[in-house]
Amino acid sequence: MGAVKRLLKHPLCKTVAFHRATKCFVRTVSPGNTRKRCRGLLDTLGKAFRVTEHTAGDCARCKWLGRRSPTDSVRAAAFARASKRRQRQGHVVPVAGHTAMTTPAVCLGATGLEHGHIVDTDICRHVQSGRPVRDPCSRRLLEYVRTVLGWLPVAAQVPVYSPALGVATAIDLVCTDAATRTKLYVVEVKSTRQRAASRAMLDACYRTSAGVAGGGKRTTDPWVRQLAMSQYMQHQLQLWAMAHVVQQEMGIAIDQAVVLRTTRNHGVHVYPLDAQLPLHADGLVARFTAIGRKRG
């Protein structure tokens, strides 16, 4: 586990942490060991790759991304009450060779954002202390990692800071191979409560573009300036930023970086790091640093 230990003990991990009271990342700066707030990756991505040119059919896409009708708030409140009731009545599902996981029959959380937070918290607590998980999506993803991929989860929600990008984030899941324990796998965990008739339909919706994210005047890379933004691309940019910090700034080789997206009725989808992103790393870094100059 040489690469994993180097990652977890690296200064760019040890000197940054998520401050729960202020809900932001802070890093320790020498001399004096003073604490300084850091820009979060998601906040920076939202500004650096804001959609400026909408494509045909973007209204339907925007609606799917989260615009809710007035009746949705009523449904969300009812779903929240039912989720708490199902959580209290959860049943134990044993997993071979691992701590038993307590899971209800359906996903928890009144909204997709709340559900994603529950899944992240579930996985983090289970990996760090062996606590039972509460959500079926958490159980499904952990079982997939261990039984299908043959990976061993080592750490979760590992904070990292990138001086080059000027942002801080957390790696959702750090894994190694169960056989030799010498590999390093970086995982970005995503979940969706959306249902679809087939895996292909769910994947097509995931990759549907909401429009073009203008690259800004400082970005000369034409591919970055005309980047078609979708949920898939947003998650890939998150994964690329994590991989860039670990490989380029820490000097630690990653054997594989993937997005694992768990769904309600079609299992777990695996999306390796998009091959185009490392080829346009200079343009992406320029876009991140441009946002930093605007804010600084």
Foldseek 3Di string as FASTA:
>chain_A
DVLVVLVLPPQQQVQWDQDVVVRFIWGQDDDVRDIDTFAAPVVLCCVLFPFDFFDPPLVVLVVVVPDDDPCLVVQLVVLQVVLVVQLVVWDWDQDPPAAIATEGPAQHHSDQVRSFVLLLVQLQCCQPPNDHRYYVLNVLVVCCVCPVVQKAWHHAQGWGADPLLRHIGGQGTWIAHPPPRPATETEAEAEDADDDPDPVVVVCSQPDFRHAGANDPQQPDPCNRGPGDGNVVSSLVVQVVVQCCSCVVSVRDHPWYWYWYQYGPHGIDIGTRDPVCVVCVVRVSRSSVVSVVVVD
